Protein backbone atom coordinates (compact mmCIF):
# COMPACT_ATOMS: atom_id res chain seq x y z
CA MET A 1 -43.29 36.72 -9.45
CA GLU A 2 -45.06 35.56 -12.48
CA VAL A 3 -48.19 37.45 -11.47
CA LEU A 4 -46.23 40.54 -10.98
CA GLN A 5 -44.53 40.03 -14.16
CA ARG A 6 -47.75 39.76 -16.24
CA THR A 7 -49.62 42.54 -14.25
CA ALA A 8 -47.00 45.16 -13.93
CA ASN A 9 -44.59 46.99 -16.47
CA ARG A 10 -40.95 46.92 -15.62
CA GLY A 11 -40.30 48.76 -18.98
CA SER A 12 -38.12 45.59 -20.36
CA ILE A 13 -40.47 45.06 -23.38
CA SER A 14 -39.94 46.07 -26.80
CA THR A 15 -42.16 49.06 -27.74
CA GLY A 16 -42.73 51.40 -30.77
CA TYR A 17 -43.74 54.36 -28.54
CA ASP A 18 -41.04 55.64 -26.16
CA ILE A 19 -41.56 57.72 -23.02
CA ASP A 20 -38.41 59.80 -22.39
CA ASN A 21 -39.19 61.56 -18.93
CA SER A 22 -40.90 61.46 -15.85
CA LEU A 23 -41.55 63.66 -12.92
CA LYS A 24 -40.43 62.67 -9.69
CA LEU A 25 -42.29 63.83 -6.52
CA GLU A 26 -41.35 63.47 -2.85
CA ARG A 27 -43.95 64.23 -0.09
CA ALA A 28 -41.37 65.48 2.50
CA ASN A 29 -40.66 68.16 0.15
CA SER A 30 -44.22 69.19 -0.68
CA GLU A 31 -43.86 68.92 -4.33
CA TYR A 32 -46.89 69.24 -6.44
CA LEU A 33 -48.14 70.93 -9.61
CA SER A 34 -51.22 73.09 -9.75
CA ARG A 35 -53.75 74.76 -11.78
CA THR A 36 -56.90 76.64 -11.81
CA PRO A 37 -59.34 76.61 -14.74
CA SER A 38 -60.26 79.98 -16.10
CA SER A 39 -63.50 78.53 -17.42
CA ASN A 40 -65.79 75.47 -16.64
CA GLY A 41 -65.67 72.40 -18.55
CA ASN A 42 -67.69 69.17 -17.98
CA GLN A 43 -68.22 68.49 -14.42
CA GLN A 44 -70.06 65.08 -14.88
CA ILE A 45 -67.80 63.18 -17.54
CA PHE A 46 -64.04 63.15 -17.71
CA THR A 47 -60.93 60.77 -17.75
CA PHE A 48 -57.75 60.94 -16.10
CA SER A 49 -54.92 58.67 -17.17
CA SER A 50 -51.24 58.54 -15.80
CA TRP A 51 -48.39 56.21 -15.58
CA VAL A 52 -47.06 55.82 -11.83
CA LYS A 53 -44.19 54.07 -10.11
CA PHE A 54 -44.51 54.14 -6.29
CA SER A 55 -41.43 54.97 -4.07
CA HIS A 56 -43.19 55.03 -0.76
CA ILE A 57 -45.56 52.25 0.85
CA ASN A 58 -48.34 53.76 3.08
CA SER A 59 -48.39 52.52 6.72
CA GLY A 60 -51.27 54.80 8.30
CA VAL A 61 -54.01 57.55 7.73
CA SER A 62 -51.55 59.99 7.53
CA GLU A 63 -49.85 58.76 4.69
CA TRP A 64 -52.73 59.07 1.93
CA SER A 65 -51.16 60.09 -1.10
CA THR A 66 -52.66 61.81 -3.93
CA LEU A 67 -52.09 61.32 -7.71
CA PHE A 68 -54.94 64.02 -9.08
CA SER A 69 -57.45 66.24 -7.05
CA ALA A 70 -59.79 69.16 -7.71
CA GLY A 71 -60.47 71.43 -4.58
CA ASP A 72 -60.68 71.06 -0.85
CA TYR A 73 -62.60 68.28 0.77
CA ALA A 74 -63.59 70.79 3.73
CA ALA A 75 -64.97 73.46 1.01
CA ASN A 76 -68.66 73.93 0.57
CA SER A 77 -68.23 73.12 -3.23
CA PRO A 78 -67.58 69.53 -4.23
CA SER A 79 -64.11 68.06 -4.59
CA PHE A 80 -62.33 65.12 -5.90
CA ARG A 81 -59.37 63.03 -5.44
CA ILE A 82 -57.83 59.88 -6.89
CA GLY A 83 -54.74 58.38 -5.04
CA HIS A 84 -53.37 55.75 -2.75
CA HIS A 85 -55.52 55.04 0.12
CA THR A 86 -54.19 54.03 3.66
CA ASN A 87 -53.69 50.55 2.63
CA ASN A 88 -52.26 50.99 -0.61
CA SER A 89 -55.38 50.37 -2.55
CA LEU A 90 -56.45 52.92 -5.23
CA GLN A 91 -59.27 55.13 -4.14
CA VAL A 92 -61.47 57.63 -6.10
CA SER A 93 -63.38 60.00 -3.73
CA PHE A 94 -66.02 62.85 -3.96
CA TYR A 95 -66.43 65.32 -1.17
CA THR A 96 -68.51 68.14 0.12
CA ASN A 97 -67.88 69.96 3.54
CA SER A 98 -65.42 67.10 4.73
CA ASN A 99 -68.14 64.48 4.03
CA TYR A 100 -68.02 61.87 1.30
CA THR A 101 -70.63 62.00 -1.32
CA GLY A 102 -69.23 59.00 -3.17
CA TYR A 103 -66.04 56.84 -3.11
CA TYR A 104 -64.86 53.92 -4.66
CA ARG A 105 -61.79 51.74 -3.55
CA THR A 106 -60.06 48.81 -5.45
CA ASP A 107 -60.11 45.46 -3.91
CA ALA A 108 -56.46 45.14 -4.98
CA LEU A 109 -53.34 46.77 -3.45
CA TYR A 110 -50.88 48.46 -5.35
CA ARG A 111 -47.54 48.35 -3.59
CA ASP A 112 -44.91 47.31 -6.13
CA THR A 113 -42.08 49.73 -6.06
CA SER A 114 -40.02 48.12 -8.90
CA ALA A 115 -42.95 48.52 -11.61
CA TRP A 116 -44.80 51.10 -13.38
CA TYR A 117 -48.64 51.08 -13.22
CA HIS A 118 -50.97 52.68 -15.50
CA PHE A 119 -53.88 54.15 -13.74
CA VAL A 120 -57.06 55.32 -15.75
CA CYS A 121 -60.18 56.72 -13.97
CA ALA A 122 -63.14 57.30 -16.10
CA VAL A 123 -66.24 59.21 -14.80
CA ASP A 124 -69.52 59.77 -16.27
CA THR A 125 -72.25 60.56 -13.48
CA THR A 126 -75.14 60.75 -16.30
CA GLN A 127 -75.12 56.92 -16.40
CA GLY A 128 -78.20 55.22 -15.13
CA THR A 129 -76.52 52.21 -13.77
CA ASN A 130 -74.49 53.23 -10.56
CA THR A 131 -71.59 50.59 -11.34
CA ASN A 132 -70.98 52.58 -14.56
CA ARG A 133 -70.45 55.94 -13.24
CA VAL A 134 -66.78 55.64 -12.05
CA LYS A 135 -64.54 52.81 -13.56
CA ILE A 136 -61.11 52.65 -12.41
CA TYR A 137 -58.63 50.66 -14.75
CA VAL A 138 -55.10 49.19 -13.68
CA ASN A 139 -52.95 48.30 -16.60
CA GLY A 140 -55.50 47.94 -18.97
CA VAL A 141 -57.97 45.93 -16.78
CA LEU A 142 -60.94 47.03 -14.89
CA ALA A 143 -60.35 46.97 -11.12
CA PRO A 144 -62.89 45.56 -8.98
CA THR A 145 -64.32 48.03 -6.38
CA THR A 146 -66.71 45.73 -4.38
CA SER A 147 -65.28 45.78 -1.06
CA VAL A 148 -65.49 49.70 -0.28
CA VAL A 149 -67.76 51.56 -2.50
CA SER A 150 -70.52 54.32 -2.22
CA HIS A 151 -71.84 55.07 -5.67
CA ILE A 152 -71.98 58.82 -6.49
CA ALA A 153 -75.50 60.16 -7.27
CA GLN A 154 -76.55 60.32 -11.02
CA ASN A 155 -75.91 63.47 -12.79
CA TYR A 156 -73.64 64.64 -9.82
CA ASN A 157 -71.47 67.70 -10.71
CA SER A 158 -68.11 66.76 -9.27
CA GLY A 159 -66.34 70.06 -8.98
CA VAL A 160 -63.71 68.99 -11.55
CA ASN A 161 -63.39 71.33 -14.50
CA THR A 162 -64.45 74.37 -12.50
CA GLY A 163 -62.34 77.25 -11.13
CA ILE A 164 -60.97 75.44 -8.09
CA ALA A 165 -57.46 74.34 -7.97
CA HIS A 166 -56.49 71.26 -9.76
CA ARG A 167 -53.35 69.48 -8.49
CA ILE A 168 -50.89 66.62 -9.39
CA GLY A 169 -49.26 64.89 -6.53
CA HIS A 170 -51.51 66.83 -3.88
CA GLY A 171 -54.86 67.87 -2.71
CA VAL A 172 -57.96 67.30 -0.83
CA ASN A 173 -56.28 67.90 2.54
CA MET A 174 -52.78 68.72 3.58
CA GLN A 175 -51.82 65.18 4.48
CA THR A 176 -51.92 63.65 0.85
CA TYR A 177 -48.67 64.68 -0.83
CA ALA A 178 -47.36 61.82 -2.92
CA SER A 179 -44.04 59.96 -3.21
CA GLU A 180 -43.75 58.53 -6.76
CA TYR A 181 -42.85 59.14 -10.15
CA VAL A 182 -45.48 60.06 -12.75
CA ALA A 183 -45.23 59.95 -16.43
CA GLU A 184 -47.52 60.40 -19.62
CA THR A 185 -50.25 62.02 -17.86
CA HIS A 186 -53.61 62.85 -19.79
CA PHE A 187 -56.88 64.61 -18.90
CA VAL A 188 -59.73 64.49 -21.09
CA ASP A 189 -62.46 66.90 -20.61
CA GLY A 190 -66.02 65.65 -21.63
CA GLN A 191 -65.34 62.11 -22.37
CA ALA A 192 -65.30 58.97 -20.28
CA LEU A 193 -62.44 56.80 -22.30
CA ALA A 194 -61.48 53.02 -21.94
CA PRO A 195 -57.70 52.39 -21.06
CA THR A 196 -57.04 51.17 -24.58
CA GLU A 197 -57.17 54.82 -25.83
CA PHE A 198 -53.53 55.10 -23.86
CA GLY A 199 -52.32 51.67 -23.85
CA GLU A 200 -52.31 48.35 -25.38
CA PHE A 201 -51.23 44.74 -24.50
CA ASP A 202 -47.85 43.46 -25.88
CA GLU A 203 -48.65 40.78 -28.35
CA ASP A 204 -45.72 38.64 -27.32
CA SER A 205 -45.38 39.13 -23.39
CA GLY A 206 -49.02 40.18 -22.66
CA ILE A 207 -47.65 42.95 -20.60
CA TRP A 208 -49.59 46.44 -20.54
CA LYS A 209 -47.57 49.07 -22.39
CA PRO A 210 -48.02 52.77 -23.32
CA LYS A 211 -49.11 54.07 -26.74
CA ALA A 212 -49.71 57.33 -28.21
CA TYR A 213 -53.25 59.08 -27.21
CA THR A 214 -54.64 60.50 -30.49
CA GLY A 215 -58.02 62.10 -29.43
CA SER A 216 -59.23 65.50 -28.24
CA TYR A 217 -59.08 66.84 -24.83
CA GLY A 218 -61.84 69.11 -24.36
CA THR A 219 -61.81 72.64 -22.92
CA ASN A 220 -59.90 72.07 -19.58
CA GLY A 221 -57.98 68.59 -20.90
CA PHE A 222 -54.25 68.51 -20.59
CA TYR A 223 -51.20 66.38 -21.45
CA LEU A 224 -47.97 66.32 -19.38
CA ASP A 225 -45.05 64.60 -20.89
CA PHE A 226 -42.46 66.29 -18.37
CA ALA A 227 -39.93 66.51 -21.49
CA ASP A 228 -39.01 70.15 -20.57
CA ALA A 229 -36.85 70.22 -17.39
CA SER A 230 -37.24 74.09 -17.19
CA ASP A 231 -41.22 73.86 -17.32
CA LEU A 232 -42.46 70.78 -16.05
CA GLY A 233 -45.81 71.77 -15.85
CA ASP A 234 -46.14 72.55 -19.48
CA ASP A 235 -49.23 71.29 -21.29
CA GLU A 236 -48.54 69.63 -24.68
CA SER A 237 -52.20 69.03 -25.63
CA GLY A 238 -52.36 72.21 -27.49
CA ASN A 239 -54.85 73.86 -25.10
CA GLY A 240 -51.98 75.61 -23.10
CA ASN A 241 -53.15 74.51 -19.77
CA ASP A 242 -50.16 74.68 -18.20
CA PHE A 243 -49.41 73.80 -14.47
CA THR A 244 -47.55 75.65 -11.87
CA GLU A 245 -44.53 73.75 -10.12
CA ASN A 246 -44.70 74.02 -6.41
CA ASN A 247 -41.26 73.17 -4.72
CA ILE A 248 -40.11 71.45 -8.01
CA THR A 249 -37.17 72.27 -10.15
CA ALA A 250 -35.47 70.89 -13.03
CA ILE A 251 -33.61 68.36 -10.97
CA ASP A 252 -36.93 66.76 -10.19
CA GLN A 253 -36.90 65.47 -13.88
CA ALA A 254 -36.14 61.86 -14.27
CA THR A 255 -35.52 59.44 -17.30
CA ASP A 256 -37.01 56.51 -15.11
CA THR A 257 -40.04 55.81 -17.29
CA PRO A 258 -42.72 52.99 -18.28
CA THR A 259 -40.47 52.11 -21.34
CA ASN A 260 -37.33 52.24 -19.44
CA ASN A 261 -37.51 51.22 -15.79
CA PHE A 262 -34.59 51.73 -13.61
CA CYS A 263 -33.38 50.20 -10.55
CA THR A 264 -34.26 51.89 -7.40
CA TRP A 265 -34.17 50.74 -3.59
CA LEU A 266 -36.79 48.56 -2.21
CA PRO A 267 -38.85 49.85 0.64
CA LEU A 268 -40.17 46.48 1.34
CA TRP A 269 -36.69 44.74 1.82
CA THR A 270 -34.83 46.52 4.70
CA PHE A 271 -32.80 44.36 7.45
CA PRO A 272 -32.24 44.21 10.17
CA ILE A 273 -33.14 47.85 11.07
CA GLY A 274 -35.50 49.55 8.72
CA ARG A 275 -34.35 52.26 6.64
CA THR A 276 -36.29 55.31 5.35
CA ILE A 277 -35.87 55.50 1.79
CA SER A 278 -37.06 58.69 -0.38
CA GLU A 279 -36.42 60.69 -3.28
CA GLY A 280 -37.86 58.42 -6.00
CA GLY A 281 -36.03 55.32 -3.97
CA THR A 282 -32.67 56.67 -4.35
CA ASN A 283 -31.82 58.13 -0.96
CA VAL A 284 -31.24 56.06 2.07
CA ASP A 285 -31.73 57.70 5.70
CA GLY A 286 -29.73 55.77 8.54
CA ALA A 287 -30.51 55.21 12.12
CA SER A 288 -28.36 54.50 15.09
CA ALA A 289 -28.05 50.75 14.10
CA TRP A 290 -26.81 48.58 11.39
CA GLY A 291 -29.28 48.24 8.70
CA GLY A 292 -29.54 48.00 4.89
CA CYS A 293 -31.49 47.39 1.76
CA LYS A 294 -31.62 45.89 -1.73
CA GLY A 295 -32.34 47.28 -5.08
CA THR A 296 -35.37 46.31 -7.08
CA ILE A 297 -33.37 44.74 -10.08
CA GLY A 298 -31.40 41.61 -9.59
CA VAL A 299 -29.18 40.22 -12.48
CA THR A 300 -27.71 36.70 -13.02
CA ASN A 301 -25.49 37.76 -16.06
CA GLY A 302 -24.35 40.76 -17.95
CA LYS A 303 -21.93 43.78 -16.98
CA TRP A 304 -23.63 46.43 -14.64
CA TYR A 305 -22.83 49.86 -13.20
CA TRP A 306 -24.17 52.17 -10.53
CA GLU A 307 -22.89 55.04 -8.37
CA ASN A 308 -23.40 56.20 -4.86
CA LYS A 309 -22.28 59.69 -3.37
CA ALA A 310 -20.36 59.06 0.03
CA SER A 311 -21.73 60.85 3.06
CA GLY A 312 -19.93 59.24 5.95
CA ASN A 313 -17.77 56.27 6.98
CA ASP A 314 -20.04 53.81 8.47
CA THR A 315 -21.35 52.80 5.10
CA ILE A 316 -20.82 49.48 3.02
CA ILE A 317 -21.99 49.73 -0.65
CA GLY A 318 -21.90 47.17 -3.40
CA TRP A 319 -23.72 43.75 -4.41
CA GLN A 320 -25.66 40.97 -2.19
CA THR A 321 -27.62 37.92 -3.40
CA ASP A 322 -31.05 37.10 -2.64
CA ASN A 323 -30.30 33.41 -1.91
CA TYR A 324 -28.94 33.80 1.41
CA ILE A 325 -31.32 33.99 4.57
CA PRO A 326 -29.46 35.84 7.35
CA GLU A 327 -28.86 33.74 10.33
CA SER A 328 -29.98 35.17 13.82
CA ASN A 329 -26.60 35.88 15.03
CA GLU A 330 -25.92 38.06 11.85
CA ASN A 331 -27.26 41.23 13.48
CA SER A 332 -25.39 43.51 11.51
CA MET A 333 -25.66 43.73 7.85
CA HIS A 334 -21.69 43.59 7.32
CA ASN A 335 -21.64 40.10 8.75
CA ILE A 336 -24.20 38.83 6.15
CA LYS A 337 -22.69 36.08 3.77
CA ASP A 338 -23.17 36.25 0.09
CA THR A 339 -22.04 39.86 -0.05
CA ILE A 340 -19.31 41.81 -2.14
CA GLY A 341 -19.12 45.40 -0.55
CA PHE A 342 -16.82 48.46 -0.08
CA TYR A 343 -16.66 49.33 3.36
CA GLN A 344 -15.91 53.18 3.49
CA ASP A 345 -14.66 53.31 7.29
CA GLY A 346 -12.19 50.70 6.74
CA ASN A 347 -11.39 51.73 3.22
CA ASN A 348 -11.39 48.23 2.06
CA VAL A 349 -13.34 45.74 0.00
CA TRP A 350 -14.43 42.50 1.29
CA ILE A 351 -16.11 39.10 -0.26
CA ARG A 352 -18.50 36.69 2.05
CA ASP A 353 -19.72 33.86 0.28
CA GLU A 354 -22.17 31.27 1.86
CA THR A 355 -19.64 28.78 2.98
CA SER A 356 -16.38 30.62 3.73
CA GLY A 357 -15.71 33.82 6.10
CA ARG A 358 -14.93 37.19 5.11
CA THR A 359 -11.95 37.86 2.51
CA ASP A 360 -10.48 41.30 2.41
CA ALA A 361 -8.93 43.34 -0.59
CA THR A 362 -6.59 46.19 -0.39
CA THR A 363 -8.01 49.51 -1.87
CA THR A 364 -6.10 52.86 -2.88
CA GLY A 365 -6.72 56.57 -2.10
CA THR A 366 -8.40 58.08 0.93
CA ASN A 367 -12.14 58.00 1.68
CA ALA A 368 -13.83 61.10 2.30
CA SER A 369 -17.43 62.45 2.29
CA GLY A 370 -19.01 63.52 -0.98
CA GLN A 371 -16.93 61.28 -3.22
CA ILE A 372 -18.66 59.14 -5.96
CA ILE A 373 -18.20 55.58 -5.27
CA GLY A 374 -18.92 53.52 -8.70
CA MET A 375 -19.80 49.76 -8.42
CA ALA A 376 -19.37 47.62 -11.54
CA LEU A 377 -20.07 44.16 -11.86
CA ASP A 378 -19.07 41.42 -14.39
CA LEU A 379 -21.14 38.32 -14.44
CA ASP A 380 -20.01 37.45 -18.16
CA SER A 381 -16.35 36.65 -17.82
CA SER A 382 -14.34 33.65 -16.28
CA PRO A 383 -13.74 34.41 -13.25
CA GLN A 384 -16.88 36.74 -12.39
CA THR A 385 -15.73 39.92 -10.87
CA ALA A 386 -16.43 43.17 -9.02
CA THR A 387 -14.60 46.36 -9.51
CA PHE A 388 -14.81 49.55 -7.17
CA TYR A 389 -14.30 53.13 -8.15
CA ARG A 390 -13.71 56.32 -6.52
CA ASN A 391 -14.18 59.54 -8.42
CA GLY A 392 -13.89 57.51 -11.72
CA SER A 393 -10.73 55.87 -10.66
CA ALA A 394 -10.73 52.08 -9.76
CA ILE A 395 -9.46 51.90 -6.10
CA SER A 396 -9.15 47.91 -6.33
CA SER A 397 -8.30 45.26 -9.07
CA ALA A 398 -11.23 43.33 -10.15
CA ILE A 399 -12.33 40.98 -7.36
CA ASN A 400 -13.01 37.19 -8.20
CA ILE A 401 -16.71 36.72 -6.82
CA ASP A 402 -17.00 33.02 -8.46
CA GLY A 403 -18.26 32.10 -4.93
CA LEU A 404 -21.51 33.90 -5.83
CA THR A 405 -22.12 32.19 -9.04
CA GLY A 406 -25.60 31.04 -10.20
CA LYS A 407 -27.09 33.45 -8.13
CA THR A 408 -29.20 36.56 -8.65
CA ILE A 409 -27.34 39.43 -7.46
CA PHE A 410 -28.52 42.97 -6.42
CA PRO A 411 -27.41 46.40 -5.57
CA PHE A 412 -26.90 46.35 -1.70
CA MET A 413 -26.08 48.97 0.90
CA SER A 414 -25.79 48.83 4.70
CA GLN A 415 -25.13 51.80 7.03
CA TYR A 416 -24.84 52.81 10.55
CA ASN A 417 -26.38 56.36 11.21
CA GLN A 418 -25.50 57.49 7.83
CA ASN A 419 -27.44 58.96 4.83
CA ALA A 420 -26.95 58.07 1.37
CA GLU A 421 -27.59 59.49 -2.30
CA SER A 422 -27.69 56.79 -5.02
CA ASN A 423 -27.60 56.93 -8.55
CA PHE A 424 -28.82 54.17 -10.60
CA GLY A 425 -29.06 56.29 -13.79
CA GLY A 426 -32.85 57.27 -13.75
CA PHE A 427 -32.60 59.93 -11.23
CA CYS A 428 -30.37 61.35 -8.31
CA THR A 429 -30.67 64.27 -6.01
CA TYR A 430 -27.08 65.45 -6.32
CA THR A 431 -26.00 67.77 -9.16
CA ILE A 432 -24.17 65.81 -11.78
CA SER A 433 -21.73 67.84 -13.86
CA SER A 434 -20.51 65.44 -16.43
CA ALA A 435 -23.95 63.89 -17.54
CA ALA A 436 -22.14 60.47 -18.78
CA THR A 437 -24.24 57.88 -19.76
CA ASP A 438 -23.55 54.18 -20.67
CA GLU A 439 -22.67 53.21 -24.25
CA ASN A 440 -26.39 52.75 -25.20
CA GLY A 441 -27.00 56.20 -24.16
CA TYR A 442 -29.03 55.23 -20.97
CA GLY A 443 -28.43 56.66 -17.53
CA THR A 444 -27.12 59.69 -16.24
CA PHE A 445 -23.71 59.44 -14.23
CA GLU A 446 -21.18 61.59 -12.82
CA TYR A 447 -18.65 59.39 -14.40
CA ALA A 448 -18.87 56.98 -17.74
CA PRO A 449 -19.27 53.41 -16.63
CA PRO A 450 -16.18 51.36 -17.65
CA SER A 451 -16.58 50.13 -21.42
CA GLY A 452 -18.82 47.43 -21.99
CA TYR A 453 -20.93 48.05 -18.43
CA TYR A 454 -24.44 49.29 -18.41
CA ALA A 455 -27.07 50.93 -16.42
CA LEU A 456 -29.55 48.71 -14.60
CA CYS A 457 -32.67 49.45 -16.74
CA GLY A 458 -35.30 47.71 -18.45
CA LYS A 459 -33.78 48.50 -22.05
CA ASN A 460 -30.22 47.21 -21.18
CA LEU A 461 -31.95 44.04 -19.42
CA ALA A 462 -33.94 43.12 -22.40
CA GLU A 463 -30.63 43.35 -24.76
CA TYR A 464 -27.88 41.80 -22.45
CA GLY A 465 -30.20 39.31 -20.16
CA GLY A 466 -30.36 39.29 -16.25
CA THR A 467 -33.64 39.37 -14.29
CA SER A 468 -35.70 41.76 -12.47
């Protein structure tokens, strides 16, 4: 965990430069941005910089994902791609006629879906030394590409900055759509820049954080800040190099950013039957067996809130600790101890700690699909409590959870053949009519969090404690 904290940005550090929005991309929806330059720029020298938070972990060749591309790898003209490789390394590729003309794959893998990464690719094919022609930086540090590399030829013309399709979130071939958030995206035509043009190390924590880029962009350069929900491909560089939205709408704008990182569902923690997590890590698709997942942010103190849109009866939502390892006979998530959850089918709340059995609590009202269930956790009071809400009204009294005291508690879900749309405040797929926030102005919820309760995000964690 210490290595992850130092090398990845979880958006919980103070910064004088705030990024307010990101763009959520989902491969299953074929979502991407595209632009075809009307005039040529520099094909040999350019820089691409973007902040990325992955919501999908690749598991095979068909799951390559593209962050930025130019052209088609099968075309006679040169094409270019930077993105996640099959094994979740980062790869920069040059192609012509379906063949590589050069490639650079990082030795390290990038599959932490709880953190924001800053990727910079600086290309200068005029360099006499082959190792200087393509440089990949991750979180301000040059990423070694010693294991898989084929150097591009000196003075190679890449096809970038020519009249071929340039894309964010897709490209090169039809199997390379991305599932990720992207934010603060710069492209500089005619310069190979260091990452310090776009970010810096925090002097207290040592964590890499964003800063404003103040340089020029060149002919085909662009800057995408995703601030205008009605025009998410709008170029803010001053060049007017706007991108076209493909299968993207205003709902794909998010407030989960490198300077305020929100909780999402964790693809690497599903048990005992894996779940399919999509839509920026907020949707969970079920299977015909009990299985569940945890959130990416756990807390030890503070008051916290999140919501879930009910889709069916066989769903349990609430909180669960990371301390307890399920026993072999606990083949259903609703049997796992160290859990406080609302079971929609039984319309009741139960708590299970590590030493005692299940304790039920009664609820009010009637369960139905489409309701918004709110989860509020109070780890500051004595006793510590959890309260559940249906469409903004409490359905149970505050439930004593002192049996979980001293443990790190995460959002939790278990389901049987159900789908769920969750909202931790940074992004969700269902339409929110009220756009309520917590008292700090963070998160976007259907119902306002109870007084003194906050969204699970980096800025609130920095102020009220907890862990991530």
